[in-house]
N, C-alpha and C. Protein backbone atom coordinates (compact mmCIF):
# COMPACT_ATOMS: atom_id res chain seq x y z
N MET A 1 39.06 10.84 -6.77
CA MET A 1 38.52 11.27 -5.80
C MET A 1 39.30 10.99 -4.20
N LYS A 2 38.93 11.93 -3.44
CA LYS A 2 39.37 11.73 -2.20
C LYS A 2 39.01 10.84 -1.52
N PRO A 3 39.74 10.12 -0.46
CA PRO A 3 39.18 9.10 0.38
C PRO A 3 37.93 9.64 1.12
N LYS A 4 37.86 10.75 1.47
CA LYS A 4 36.72 11.20 2.52
C LYS A 4 35.41 11.56 1.67
N THR A 5 35.51 11.75 0.27
CA THR A 5 34.68 11.72 -0.36
C THR A 5 33.97 10.48 -0.95
N LEU A 6 34.85 9.45 -1.38
CA LEU A 6 34.50 7.70 -1.33
C LEU A 6 33.73 7.32 0.01
N LEU A 7 34.06 7.60 1.10
CA LEU A 7 33.44 7.20 2.33
C LEU A 7 32.26 7.70 2.65
N THR A 8 32.17 9.09 2.22
CA THR A 8 31.00 9.65 2.48
C THR A 8 29.72 8.81 1.37
N LEU A 9 30.29 8.92 0.21
CA LEU A 9 29.28 8.23 -0.77
C LEU A 9 29.02 6.96 -0.42
N ALA A 10 29.85 6.01 0.14
CA ALA A 10 29.81 4.63 0.73
C ALA A 10 28.46 4.54 1.39
N VAL A 11 28.98 5.68 2.43
CA VAL A 11 27.85 5.78 3.53
C VAL A 11 26.29 6.03 3.11
N ILE A 12 26.52 7.03 2.03
CA ILE A 12 24.74 7.46 1.95
C ILE A 12 24.48 6.06 0.92
N LEU A 13 24.98 5.64 0.20
CA LEU A 13 24.94 4.52 -0.66
C LEU A 13 24.27 3.39 0.40
N ALA A 14 25.08 2.76 1.66
CA ALA A 14 24.64 1.65 2.41
C ALA A 14 23.04 2.37 2.99
N PHE A 15 23.16 3.71 3.35
CA PHE A 15 21.91 4.33 4.25
C PHE A 15 20.43 4.12 3.26
N VAL A 16 20.72 4.55 1.82
CA VAL A 16 19.71 4.33 0.98
C VAL A 16 19.38 2.85 0.61
N GLY A 17 20.40 1.76 0.75
CA GLY A 17 20.30 0.76 0.48
C GLY A 17 19.26 -0.18 1.82
N LEU A 18 19.73 0.33 2.85
CA LEU A 18 19.02 -0.18 4.31
C LEU A 18 17.59 0.33 4.25
N LEU A 19 17.49 1.52 3.97
CA LEU A 19 15.88 2.23 3.75
C LEU A 19 15.43 1.34 3.02
N ALA A 20 15.51 1.12 1.76
CA ALA A 20 15.09 0.23 0.75
C ALA A 20 14.52 -1.02 1.32
N TRP A 21 15.57 -1.60 1.87
CA TRP A 21 15.39 -3.19 2.26
C TRP A 21 14.38 -2.77 3.26
N SER A 22 14.48 -2.25 4.35
CA SER A 22 13.92 -2.49 5.47
C SER A 22 12.35 -2.31 5.23
N THR A 23 11.90 -1.09 3.97
CA THR A 23 10.72 -0.82 3.66
C THR A 23 10.05 -2.19 3.05
N LEU A 24 10.53 -2.77 1.83
CA LEU A 24 10.48 -3.90 0.81
C LEU A 24 10.09 -4.91 2.01
N SER A 25 10.96 -5.00 2.92
CA SER A 25 10.87 -6.42 3.79
C SER A 25 9.69 -6.51 4.72
N ALA A 26 9.22 -5.34 5.14
CA ALA A 26 7.97 -5.13 6.04
C ALA A 26 6.86 -5.70 5.19
N GLN A 27 6.72 -5.49 4.11
CA GLN A 27 5.44 -5.70 3.38
C GLN A 27 5.80 -6.94 2.67
N LYS A 28 4.71 -8.30 3.57
CA LYS A 28 4.87 -9.47 3.34
C LYS A 28 3.44 -9.95 2.80
N VAL A 29 2.49 -8.85 2.63
CA VAL A 29 0.88 -9.53 2.23
C VAL A 29 0.67 -8.38 1.24
N THR A 30 0.07 -8.87 -0.20
CA THR A 30 -0.31 -7.90 -0.92
C THR A 30 -1.70 -8.40 -1.50
N CYS A 31 -2.93 -7.76 -1.11
CA CYS A 31 -4.47 -7.62 -1.26
C CYS A 31 -4.85 -7.00 -2.77
N ASN A 32 -5.33 -7.46 -3.49
CA ASN A 32 -6.32 -6.74 -4.42
C ASN A 32 -7.98 -6.96 -3.88
N VAL A 33 -8.42 -5.56 -4.03
CA VAL A 33 -9.50 -5.95 -3.48
C VAL A 33 -10.76 -4.85 -4.51
N CYS A 34 -11.63 -5.18 -4.86
CA CYS A 34 -12.47 -4.70 -5.41
C CYS A 34 -14.06 -4.34 -4.67
N VAL A 35 -14.49 -2.96 -4.72
CA VAL A 35 -15.75 -2.41 -4.13
C VAL A 35 -16.31 -2.09 -5.26
N GLU A 36 -17.93 -1.91 -5.00
CA GLU A 36 -19.09 -1.32 -5.87
C GLU A 36 -19.55 -0.06 -4.63
N PHE A 37 -19.53 0.96 -5.25
CA PHE A 37 -20.42 1.90 -4.24
C PHE A 37 -20.62 3.04 -5.30
N ASN A 38 -22.00 3.68 -5.16
CA ASN A 38 -22.68 4.69 -5.76
C ASN A 38 -22.93 4.25 -7.27
N GLY A 39 -23.13 3.21 -7.58
CA GLY A 39 -23.14 2.68 -8.82
C GLY A 39 -21.74 2.53 -9.75
N GLY A 40 -20.72 2.50 -8.87
CA GLY A 40 -19.31 2.40 -9.78
C GLY A 40 -18.64 1.35 -8.84
N ARG A 41 -17.55 0.85 -9.71
CA ARG A 41 -16.74 -0.36 -9.08
C ARG A 41 -15.61 -0.01 -9.65
N ASN A 42 -14.42 -0.21 -8.43
CA ASN A 42 -13.21 0.11 -8.65
C ASN A 42 -12.30 -1.11 -7.64
N CYS A 43 -11.36 -1.29 -8.65
CA CYS A 43 -10.21 -2.33 -7.58
C CYS A 43 -8.94 -1.48 -7.51
N ALA A 44 -7.83 -2.03 -6.09
CA ALA A 44 -6.75 -1.48 -6.10
C ALA A 44 -6.15 -2.63 -5.31
N LYS A 45 -4.85 -2.35 -5.35
CA LYS A 45 -4.17 -3.36 -4.97
C LYS A 45 -2.91 -2.75 -3.69
N ALA A 46 -2.74 -3.29 -2.63
CA ALA A 46 -2.17 -2.51 -1.72
C ALA A 46 -1.26 -3.93 -0.80
N SER A 47 -0.04 -3.34 -0.05
CA SER A 47 0.85 -4.13 0.70
C SER A 47 1.04 -3.92 1.80
N ALA A 48 1.43 -4.78 2.93
CA ALA A 48 1.43 -4.44 4.33
C ALA A 48 1.87 -5.62 5.05
N ASN A 49 2.33 -5.43 6.06
CA ASN A 49 2.74 -6.73 6.89
C ASN A 49 1.72 -7.88 7.15
N SER A 50 0.47 -7.45 7.38
CA SER A 50 -0.71 -8.40 7.77
C SER A 50 -1.74 -8.19 6.58
N GLU A 51 -2.40 -9.27 6.47
CA GLU A 51 -3.53 -9.44 5.93
C GLU A 51 -4.61 -8.32 5.93
N THR A 52 -5.00 -8.31 6.87
CA THR A 52 -5.98 -7.16 7.80
C THR A 52 -5.46 -5.60 7.21
N ASP A 53 -4.50 -5.37 7.41
CA ASP A 53 -3.96 -4.19 7.01
C ASP A 53 -3.65 -3.75 5.29
N ALA A 54 -3.36 -4.93 4.78
CA ALA A 54 -3.20 -4.80 3.33
C ALA A 54 -4.78 -4.89 2.94
N ALA A 55 -5.42 -5.63 3.17
CA ALA A 55 -7.17 -5.13 2.70
C ALA A 55 -7.43 -4.28 3.15
N ARG A 56 -7.56 -3.58 4.10
CA ARG A 56 -7.92 -2.39 4.38
C ARG A 56 -7.50 -1.16 3.75
N ALA A 57 -5.94 -1.49 3.51
CA ALA A 57 -5.44 -0.38 2.73
C ALA A 57 -5.62 -0.34 1.27
N ALA A 58 -6.26 -1.42 0.91
CA ALA A 58 -6.45 -1.31 -0.74
C ALA A 58 -7.81 -1.24 -0.63
N GLN A 59 -8.93 -1.43 0.16
CA GLN A 59 -10.08 -0.98 0.34
C GLN A 59 -10.20 0.66 0.14
N THR A 60 -9.45 0.98 0.94
CA THR A 60 -9.37 2.68 1.31
C THR A 60 -9.09 2.99 -0.04
N THR A 61 -8.01 2.55 -0.75
CA THR A 61 -7.71 3.07 -2.00
C THR A 61 -8.88 2.80 -3.17
N ALA A 62 -9.34 1.87 -3.17
CA ALA A 62 -10.33 1.63 -4.34
C ALA A 62 -11.69 2.33 -3.96
N CYS A 63 -11.76 2.72 -2.55
CA CYS A 63 -13.21 3.53 -2.71
C CYS A 63 -12.89 5.00 -3.23
N GLY A 64 -11.72 5.63 -3.14
CA GLY A 64 -11.37 7.05 -3.80
C GLY A 64 -11.99 7.17 -5.02
N PRO A 65 -11.90 6.58 -5.91
CA PRO A 65 -12.69 7.05 -7.03
C PRO A 65 -14.00 7.14 -7.24
N VAL A 66 -14.83 6.38 -6.17
CA VAL A 66 -15.99 5.84 -6.29
C VAL A 66 -17.12 6.71 -5.33
N ALA A 67 -16.13 7.42 -4.35
CA ALA A 67 -16.71 8.44 -3.22
C ALA A 67 -16.43 9.32 -3.34
N SER A 68 -17.22 10.42 -3.20
CA SER A 68 -17.06 11.59 -3.37
C SER A 68 -17.14 12.36 -1.74
N GLY A 69 -16.35 12.84 -1.37
CA GLY A 69 -16.53 13.51 -0.18
C GLY A 69 -15.97 12.72 1.12
N MET A 70 -16.09 13.11 2.14
CA MET A 70 -15.38 12.37 3.54
C MET A 70 -16.67 11.45 3.85
N ASP A 71 -17.84 12.03 3.88
CA ASP A 71 -18.72 10.89 4.46
C ASP A 71 -19.02 10.10 3.33
N GLN A 72 -19.02 9.90 2.39
CA GLN A 72 -19.10 8.77 1.19
C GLN A 72 -17.92 7.88 1.12
N ALA A 73 -16.88 8.69 1.40
CA ALA A 73 -15.52 7.55 1.79
C ALA A 73 -15.45 6.96 2.76
N ILE A 74 -16.21 7.13 3.85
CA ILE A 74 -16.52 6.23 4.83
C ILE A 74 -17.18 5.14 4.79
N ALA A 75 -18.17 5.76 4.12
CA ALA A 75 -19.30 4.71 3.91
C ALA A 75 -18.99 3.62 2.73
N CYS A 76 -18.51 3.83 2.10
CA CYS A 76 -17.58 3.19 1.49
C CYS A 76 -16.59 2.06 1.84
N ASP A 77 -15.80 2.56 2.72
CA ASP A 77 -14.65 1.76 3.62
C ASP A 77 -15.83 0.77 4.50
N ASN A 78 -16.65 1.27 4.77
CA ASN A 78 -17.33 0.26 5.75
C ASN A 78 -18.26 -0.82 5.16
N ARG A 79 -18.41 -0.66 3.89
CA ARG A 79 -19.10 -1.70 3.20
C ARG A 79 -18.25 -2.69 2.90
N PRO A 80 -18.75 -4.39 2.85
CA PRO A 80 -17.71 -5.21 2.40
C PRO A 80 -17.21 -5.15 1.11
N ALA A 81 -16.21 -5.57 0.95
CA ALA A 81 -15.61 -5.76 -0.58
C ALA A 81 -16.77 -6.64 -1.39
N VAL A 82 -16.56 -6.39 -2.87
CA VAL A 82 -17.00 -7.29 -3.67
C VAL A 82 -16.17 -8.62 -3.84
N SER A 83 -14.70 -8.24 -4.06
CA SER A 83 -13.80 -9.35 -4.20
C SER A 83 -12.50 -9.06 -3.54
N LYS A 84 -12.00 -10.10 -2.70
CA LYS A 84 -10.46 -9.72 -2.20
C LYS A 84 -9.84 -10.81 -2.49
N SER A 85 -8.42 -10.85 -2.89
CA SER A 85 -7.73 -11.67 -3.23
C SER A 85 -6.37 -11.20 -2.31
N CYS A 86 -5.98 -12.20 -1.72
CA CYS A 86 -4.55 -11.93 -0.88
C CYS A 86 -3.23 -12.88 -1.30
N SER A 87 -2.04 -12.57 -1.22
CA SER A 87 -1.18 -13.45 -1.74
C SER A 87 0.24 -13.11 -0.34
N THR A 88 0.79 -14.21 0.06
CA THR A 88 1.94 -13.81 0.88
C THR A 88 3.27 -13.81 -0.03
N GLN A 89 3.95 -12.92 0.18
CA GLN A 89 5.30 -12.75 -0.61
C GLN A 89 6.74 -13.33 0.07
């Protein structure tokens, strides 16, 4: 391989590694949240930089299958979770 090709490949790999590291290192808290809505129950897991953000993202994800339409999704998001457990990474 030519030196220019190797240099280009090394730069691309370094950039991809930096992106992966920065994305994964920012997610310090993981939460598992279960919701009950419209007679259904669903659980979801999410990670974020803070417990509040991780719990909110997990609840929104958990509400998806049990709520149909925007109105129900908002109503489900505004209800307290049935269970919530968070851990720090």
